[in-house]
Amino acid sequence: MTTFYLVRHAAHDSLGSYLAGRMEGVHLGPAGREQAERLARRMQRETFAAIVSSPRERTRETAMAISVLAEIGPVEIDPDLDEIDFGAWSGKTFDELNTDPAWRRWNEDRASARTPNGESMDDVGRRVLGRMDALRRRHDGETVVLVTHADVIKAVVCHTLGLPADRCFRFEIDPASITVVADDGQGARLIRLNEGV
């Protein structure tokens, strides 16, 4: 059995005002750094074997805060944990996006809709679940921290609970939150959802 702590990155300065996606240079702001420190102190209560992070700056900074206090490193960077590839939508404000029919379809039908770069929620789920399966084999009986993004975590939760991807709006994944999934190779179980710090 491998236990995964799925951690959403702490807040960046403009969280909620535009879609950051895979844009470069999106760092934690002052409030996000404070969130990351609280999260790191919370994670000190746990014992884990590895920390794996999405390549985005905001996830790496969150992972580093955990790594420093837990004295576990280095942080492994893994593109399979990356944010959804939103392509041309990245950097647009939500007011701009709400005028785009393709954006509205993406949010109404996550089970079949695709982003401008062609990624679907099922694609996201396949890549992250494939990485988790490899980590499960490598860290059997251990705990691994995965620092990633809200929709990536939602894809894992939907798969774990057997929900279609368009049910991802029925639960929240807040900045700097912890969701815990345990996997024995025969199937995963949701242990905790969206624990705040």
C-alpha atoms as a PDB file:
ATOM      1  CA  MET A   1       0.000   0.000   0.000  1.00  0.00           C
ATOM      2  CA  THR A   2       1.310   3.435  -0.953  1.00  0.00           C
ATOM      3  CA  THR A   3      -0.230   6.579   0.501  1.00  0.00           C
ATOM      4  CA  PHE A   4      -0.244   9.718  -1.625  1.00  0.00           C
ATOM      5  CA  TYR A   5      -0.593  13.192  -0.170  1.00  0.00           C
ATOM      6  CA  LEU A   6      -1.927  15.207  -3.111  1.00  0.00           C
ATOM      7  CA  VAL A   7      -1.105  18.816  -2.280  1.00  0.00           C
ATOM      8  CA  ARG A   8      -2.374  21.758  -4.282  1.00  0.00           C
ATOM      9  CA  HIS A   9       0.163  24.564  -4.561  1.00  0.00           C
ATOM     10  CA  ALA A  10      -0.301  27.639  -2.371  1.00  0.00           C
ATOM     11  CA  ALA A  11      -1.831  30.796  -3.839  1.00  0.00           C
ATOM     12  CA  HIS A  12      -0.102  33.021  -6.364  1.00  0.00           C
ATOM     13  CA  ASP A  13      -0.720  36.788  -6.342  1.00  0.00           C
ATOM     14  CA  SER A  14      -3.452  36.811  -8.972  1.00  0.00           C
ATOM     15  CA  LEU A  15      -5.272  33.592  -8.104  1.00  0.00           C
ATOM     16  CA  GLY A  16      -8.842  33.844  -9.365  1.00  0.00           C
ATOM     17  CA  SER A  17      -8.251  36.809 -11.701  1.00  0.00           C
ATOM     18  CA  TYR A  18      -6.731  35.002 -14.673  1.00  0.00           C
ATOM     19  CA  LEU A  19      -5.962  31.477 -15.841  1.00  0.00           C
ATOM     20  CA  ALA A  20      -2.280  30.883 -15.076  1.00  0.00           C
ATOM     21  CA  GLY A  21      -2.121  27.460 -16.704  1.00  0.00           C
ATOM     22  CA  ARG A  22       1.443  26.680 -17.767  1.00  0.00           C
ATOM     23  CA  MET A  23       2.596  30.318 -17.959  1.00  0.00           C
ATOM     24  CA  GLU A  24       6.173  30.886 -16.863  1.00  0.00           C
ATOM     25  CA  GLY A  25       6.967  33.209 -13.971  1.00  0.00           C
ATOM     26  CA  VAL A  26       3.861  32.642 -11.831  1.00  0.00           C
ATOM     27  CA  HIS A  27       5.271  32.598  -8.297  1.00  0.00           C
ATOM     28  CA  LEU A  28       3.739  32.468  -4.848  1.00  0.00           C
ATOM     29  CA  GLY A  29       2.832  35.879  -3.509  1.00  0.00           C
ATOM     30  CA  PRO A  30       3.196  36.941   0.137  1.00  0.00           C
ATOM     31  CA  ALA A  31      -0.093  35.265   1.137  1.00  0.00           C
ATOM     32  CA  GLY A  32       0.910  32.128  -0.784  1.00  0.00           C
ATOM     33  CA  ARG A  33       4.317  31.953   0.909  1.00  0.00           C
ATOM     34  CA  GLU A  34       2.552  32.182   4.271  1.00  0.00           C
ATOM     35  CA  GLN A  35       0.157  29.403   3.213  1.00  0.00           C
ATOM     36  CA  ALA A  36       3.101  27.262   2.097  1.00  0.00           C
ATOM     37  CA  GLU A  37       4.786  27.734   5.488  1.00  0.00           C
ATOM     38  CA  ARG A  38       1.600  26.675   7.324  1.00  0.00           C
ATOM     39  CA  LEU A  39       1.291  23.691   5.017  1.00  0.00           C
ATOM     40  CA  ALA A  40       4.927  22.739   5.636  1.00  0.00           C
ATOM     41  CA  ARG A  41       4.395  22.898   9.415  1.00  0.00           C
ATOM     42  CA  ARG A  42       1.302  20.688   9.023  1.00  0.00           C
ATOM     43  CA  MET A  43       3.274  18.197   6.938  1.00  0.00           C
ATOM     44  CA  GLN A  44       5.932  17.919   9.661  1.00  0.00           C
ATOM     45  CA  ARG A  45       3.474  15.637  11.485  1.00  0.00           C
ATOM     46  CA  GLU A  46       3.770  13.057   8.665  1.00  0.00           C
ATOM     47  CA  THR A  47       6.518  10.676   7.607  1.00  0.00           C
ATOM     48  CA  PHE A  48       7.072  10.397   3.883  1.00  0.00           C
ATOM     49  CA  ALA A  49       9.668   8.974   1.535  1.00  0.00           C
ATOM     50  CA  ALA A  50       9.629  11.458  -1.340  1.00  0.00           C
ATOM     51  CA  ILE A  51       8.282  14.767  -2.600  1.00  0.00           C
ATOM     52  CA  VAL A  52       7.399  15.024  -6.296  1.00  0.00           C
ATOM     53  CA  SER A  53       6.332  18.316  -7.859  1.00  0.00           C
ATOM     54  CA  SER A  54       4.857  19.694 -11.050  1.00  0.00           C
ATOM     55  CA  PRO A  55       7.388  21.823 -12.977  1.00  0.00           C
ATOM     56  CA  ARG A  56       5.477  25.099 -12.413  1.00  0.00           C
ATOM     57  CA  GLU A  57       7.213  27.676 -10.179  1.00  0.00           C
ATOM     58  CA  ARG A  58       4.280  27.884  -7.765  1.00  0.00           C
ATOM     59  CA  THR A  59       4.307  24.115  -7.183  1.00  0.00           C
ATOM     60  CA  ARG A  60       8.085  23.942  -6.839  1.00  0.00           C
ATOM     61  CA  GLU A  61       8.036  26.745  -4.259  1.00  0.00           C
ATOM     62  CA  THR A  62       5.312  24.978  -2.289  1.00  0.00           C
ATOM     63  CA  ALA A  63       7.193  21.666  -2.471  1.00  0.00           C
ATOM     64  CA  MET A  64      10.439  23.334  -1.352  1.00  0.00           C
ATOM     65  CA  ALA A  65       8.747  24.761   1.745  1.00  0.00           C
ATOM     66  CA  ILE A  66       7.655  21.233   2.702  1.00  0.00           C
ATOM     67  CA  SER A  67      11.065  19.779   1.845  1.00  0.00           C
ATOM     68  CA  VAL A  68      12.990  22.263   3.994  1.00  0.00           C
ATOM     69  CA  LEU A  69      10.939  21.689   7.156  1.00  0.00           C
ATOM     70  CA  ALA A  70      10.680  17.927   6.632  1.00  0.00           C
ATOM     71  CA  GLU A  71      14.394  17.709   5.803  1.00  0.00           C
ATOM     72  CA  ILE A  72      13.580  15.479   2.826  1.00  0.00           C
ATOM     73  CA  GLY A  73      14.987  16.198  -0.574  1.00  0.00           C
ATOM     74  CA  PRO A  74      15.708  16.775  -3.246  1.00  0.00           C
ATOM     75  CA  VAL A  75      12.270  17.530  -4.651  1.00  0.00           C
ATOM     76  CA  GLU A  76      11.712  15.449  -7.791  1.00  0.00           C
ATOM     77  CA  ILE A  77      10.223  17.434 -10.697  1.00  0.00           C
ATOM     78  CA  ASP A  78       7.813  15.464 -12.866  1.00  0.00           C
ATOM     79  CA  PRO A  79       6.001  16.750 -15.987  1.00  0.00           C
ATOM     80  CA  ASP A  80       3.225  14.182 -15.462  1.00  0.00           C
ATOM     81  CA  LEU A  81       2.075  16.297 -12.507  1.00  0.00           C
ATOM     82  CA  ASP A  82       1.946  19.477 -14.596  1.00  0.00           C
ATOM     83  CA  GLU A  83      -1.065  21.735 -14.900  1.00  0.00           C
ATOM     84  CA  ILE A  84      -3.556  21.075 -17.690  1.00  0.00           C
ATOM     85  CA  ASP A  85      -2.211  22.369 -20.998  1.00  0.00           C
ATOM     86  CA  PHE A  86      -4.648  25.235 -21.568  1.00  0.00           C
ATOM     87  CA  GLY A  87      -2.745  26.562 -24.588  1.00  0.00           C
ATOM     88  CA  ALA A  88      -4.133  29.894 -25.827  1.00  0.00           C
ATOM     89  CA  TRP A  89      -6.381  30.224 -22.779  1.00  0.00           C
ATOM     90  CA  SER A  90      -3.378  30.645 -20.466  1.00  0.00           C
ATOM     91  CA  GLY A  91      -2.997  34.229 -19.254  1.00  0.00           C
ATOM     92  CA  LYS A  92      -6.534  35.270 -20.150  1.00  0.00           C
ATOM     93  CA  THR A  93      -8.805  36.755 -17.526  1.00  0.00           C
ATOM     94  CA  PHE A  94     -11.882  34.790 -16.560  1.00  0.00           C
ATOM     95  CA  ASP A  95     -14.031  37.638 -17.934  1.00  0.00           C
ATOM     96  CA  GLU A  96     -12.353  37.130 -21.328  1.00  0.00           C
ATOM     97  CA  LEU A  97     -12.685  33.363 -21.134  1.00  0.00           C
ATOM     98  CA  ASN A  98     -16.375  33.502 -20.272  1.00  0.00           C
ATOM     99  CA  THR A  99     -17.055  34.999 -23.736  1.00  0.00           C
ATOM    100  CA  ASP A 100     -15.425  31.975 -25.445  1.00  0.00           C
ATOM    101  CA  PRO A 101     -17.909  29.174 -26.322  1.00  0.00           C
ATOM    102  CA  ALA A 102     -15.115  26.578 -26.179  1.00  0.00           C
ATOM    103  CA  TRP A 103     -14.276  27.655 -22.594  1.00  0.00           C
ATOM    104  CA  ARG A 104     -17.920  27.366 -21.602  1.00  0.00           C
ATOM    105  CA  ARG A 105     -18.093  23.902 -23.170  1.00  0.00           C
ATOM    106  CA  TRP A 106     -14.925  22.881 -21.275  1.00  0.00           C
ATOM    107  CA  ASN A 107     -16.610  23.826 -18.007  1.00  0.00           C
ATOM    108  CA  GLU A 108     -19.966  22.261 -18.882  1.00  0.00           C
ATOM    109  CA  ASP A 109     -18.687  18.940 -20.255  1.00  0.00           C
ATOM    110  CA  ARG A 110     -15.353  17.979 -18.760  1.00  0.00           C
ATOM    111  CA  ALA A 111     -16.019  14.360 -19.683  1.00  0.00           C
ATOM    112  CA  SER A 112     -15.516  15.030 -23.419  1.00  0.00           C
ATOM    113  CA  ALA A 113     -14.345  18.637 -23.961  1.00  0.00           C
ATOM    114  CA  ARG A 114     -10.730  19.498 -24.783  1.00  0.00           C
ATOM    115  CA  THR A 115      -8.557  22.564 -24.250  1.00  0.00           C
ATOM    116  CA  PRO A 116      -7.125  24.481 -27.265  1.00  0.00           C
ATOM    117  CA  ASN A 117      -4.024  22.265 -27.053  1.00  0.00           C
ATOM    118  CA  GLY A 118      -6.211  19.170 -27.134  1.00  0.00           C
ATOM    119  CA  GLU A 119      -5.936  17.945 -23.547  1.00  0.00           C
ATOM    120  CA  SER A 120      -8.998  16.438 -21.869  1.00  0.00           C
ATOM    121  CA  MET A 121      -9.593  15.620 -18.220  1.00  0.00           C
ATOM    122  CA  ASP A 122      -9.222  11.939 -19.134  1.00  0.00           C
ATOM    123  CA  ASP A 123      -5.792  12.722 -20.627  1.00  0.00           C
ATOM    124  CA  VAL A 124      -4.823  14.502 -17.408  1.00  0.00           C
ATOM    125  CA  GLY A 125      -6.050  11.553 -15.362  1.00  0.00           C
ATOM    126  CA  ARG A 126      -4.111   9.040 -17.455  1.00  0.00           C
ATOM    127  CA  ARG A 127      -0.810  10.872 -17.137  1.00  0.00           C
ATOM    128  CA  VAL A 128      -1.016  11.486 -13.389  1.00  0.00           C
ATOM    129  CA  LEU A 129      -2.396   8.023 -12.597  1.00  0.00           C
ATOM    130  CA  GLY A 130       0.366   6.452 -14.673  1.00  0.00           C
ATOM    131  CA  ARG A 131       2.956   8.362 -12.626  1.00  0.00           C
ATOM    132  CA  MET A 132       1.239   7.372  -9.365  1.00  0.00           C
ATOM    133  CA  ASP A 133       1.296   3.717 -10.421  1.00  0.00           C
ATOM    134  CA  ALA A 134       5.057   3.906 -11.050  1.00  0.00           C
ATOM    135  CA  LEU A 135       5.585   5.651  -7.704  1.00  0.00           C
ATOM    136  CA  ARG A 136       3.423   3.041  -5.957  1.00  0.00           C
ATOM    137  CA  ARG A 137       5.709   0.292  -7.194  1.00  0.00           C
ATOM    138  CA  ARG A 138       8.815   2.254  -6.211  1.00  0.00           C
ATOM    139  CA  HIS A 139       7.495   3.275  -2.769  1.00  0.00           C
ATOM    140  CA  ASP A 140       5.416   0.285  -1.674  1.00  0.00           C
ATOM    141  CA  GLY A 141       4.474   0.675   1.989  1.00  0.00           C
ATOM    142  CA  GLU A 142       5.581   4.310   2.048  1.00  0.00           C
ATOM    143  CA  THR A 143       4.034   7.762   1.756  1.00  0.00           C
ATOM    144  CA  VAL A 144       4.731  10.135  -1.137  1.00  0.00           C
ATOM    145  CA  VAL A 145       3.840  13.832  -1.406  1.00  0.00           C
ATOM    146  CA  LEU A 146       2.699  15.028  -4.843  1.00  0.00           C
ATOM    147  CA  VAL A 147       2.551  18.817  -5.219  1.00  0.00           C
ATOM    148  CA  THR A 148       0.358  19.697  -8.175  1.00  0.00           C
ATOM    149  CA  HIS A 149      -2.723  21.616  -9.344  1.00  0.00           C
ATOM    150  CA  ALA A 150      -6.446  21.639  -8.514  1.00  0.00           C
ATOM    151  CA  ASP A 151      -7.739  20.018 -11.709  1.00  0.00           C
ATOM    152  CA  VAL A 152      -5.002  17.375 -11.633  1.00  0.00           C
ATOM    153  CA  ILE A 153      -6.083  16.410  -8.114  1.00  0.00           C
ATOM    154  CA  LYS A 154      -9.733  16.494  -9.184  1.00  0.00           C
ATOM    155  CA  ALA A 155      -8.943  14.049 -12.006  1.00  0.00           C
ATOM    156  CA  VAL A 156      -7.402  11.639  -9.464  1.00  0.00           C
ATOM    157  CA  VAL A 157     -10.343  11.972  -7.059  1.00  0.00           C
ATOM    158  CA  CYS A 158     -12.909  11.406  -9.830  1.00  0.00           C
ATOM    159  CA  HIS A 159     -11.045   8.282 -10.961  1.00  0.00           C
ATOM    160  CA  THR A 160     -10.694   6.995  -7.381  1.00  0.00           C
ATOM    161  CA  LEU A 161     -14.410   7.431  -6.693  1.00  0.00           C
ATOM    162  CA  GLY A 162     -15.512   6.161 -10.116  1.00  0.00           C
ATOM    163  CA  LEU A 163     -17.027   9.534 -11.038  1.00  0.00           C
ATOM    164  CA  PRO A 164     -17.162  10.922 -14.563  1.00  0.00           C
ATOM    165  CA  ALA A 165     -14.862  13.921 -15.068  1.00  0.00           C
ATOM    166  CA  ASP A 166     -17.753  16.371 -15.302  1.00  0.00           C
ATOM    167  CA  ARG A 167     -18.519  15.715 -11.612  1.00  0.00           C
ATOM    168  CA  CYS A 168     -15.289  17.499 -10.664  1.00  0.00           C
ATOM    169  CA  PHE A 169     -17.253  20.654  -9.804  1.00  0.00           C
ATOM    170  CA  ARG A 170     -19.040  18.860  -6.953  1.00  0.00           C
ATOM    171  CA  PHE A 171     -16.028  19.245  -4.649  1.00  0.00           C
ATOM    172  CA  GLU A 172     -13.331  21.840  -4.011  1.00  0.00           C
ATOM    173  CA  ILE A 173      -9.553  21.598  -4.010  1.00  0.00           C
ATOM    174  CA  ASP A 174      -8.347  24.768  -2.281  1.00  0.00           C
ATOM    175  CA  PRO A 175      -4.873  26.315  -2.457  1.00  0.00           C
ATOM    176  CA  ALA A 176      -2.429  24.628  -0.042  1.00  0.00           C
ATOM    177  CA  SER A 177      -4.946  21.851   0.684  1.00  0.00           C
ATOM    178  CA  ILE A 178      -4.197  18.166   1.233  1.00  0.00           C
ATOM    179  CA  THR A 179      -6.093  15.262  -0.337  1.00  0.00           C
ATOM    180  CA  VAL A 180      -5.013  11.739   0.616  1.00  0.00           C
ATOM    181  CA  VAL A 181      -5.359   8.621  -1.539  1.00  0.00           C
ATOM    182  CA  ALA A 182      -4.103   5.129  -0.628  1.00  0.00           C
ATOM    183  CA  ASP A 183      -3.383   2.598  -3.376  1.00  0.00           C
ATOM    184  CA  ASP A 184      -2.490  -1.089  -2.946  1.00  0.00           C
ATOM    185  CA  GLY A 185      -2.289  -1.830  -6.665  1.00  0.00           C
ATOM    186  CA  GLN A 186      -5.745  -3.402  -6.691  1.00  0.00           C
ATOM    187  CA  GLY A 187      -7.556  -0.109  -6.356  1.00  0.00           C
ATOM    188  CA  ALA A 188      -7.284   3.277  -4.699  1.00  0.00           C
ATOM    189  CA  ARG A 189      -9.260   4.643  -1.746  1.00  0.00           C
ATOM    190  CA  LEU A 190      -9.935   8.271  -0.891  1.00  0.00           C
ATOM    191  CA  ILE A 191      -8.831   8.844   2.713  1.00  0.00           C
ATOM    192  CA  ARG A 192      -9.142  12.622   3.015  1.00  0.00           C
ATOM    193  CA  LEU A 193     -10.431  15.394   0.738  1.00  0.00           C
ATOM    194  CA  ASN A 194      -9.357  19.046   0.674  1.00  0.00           C
ATOM    195  CA  GLU A 195      -7.920  19.363   4.189  1.00  0.00           C
ATOM    196  CA  GLY A 196      -7.117  23.019   4.756  1.00  0.00           C
ATOM    197  CA  VAL A 197      -4.226  24.459   6.725  1.00  0.00           C
END
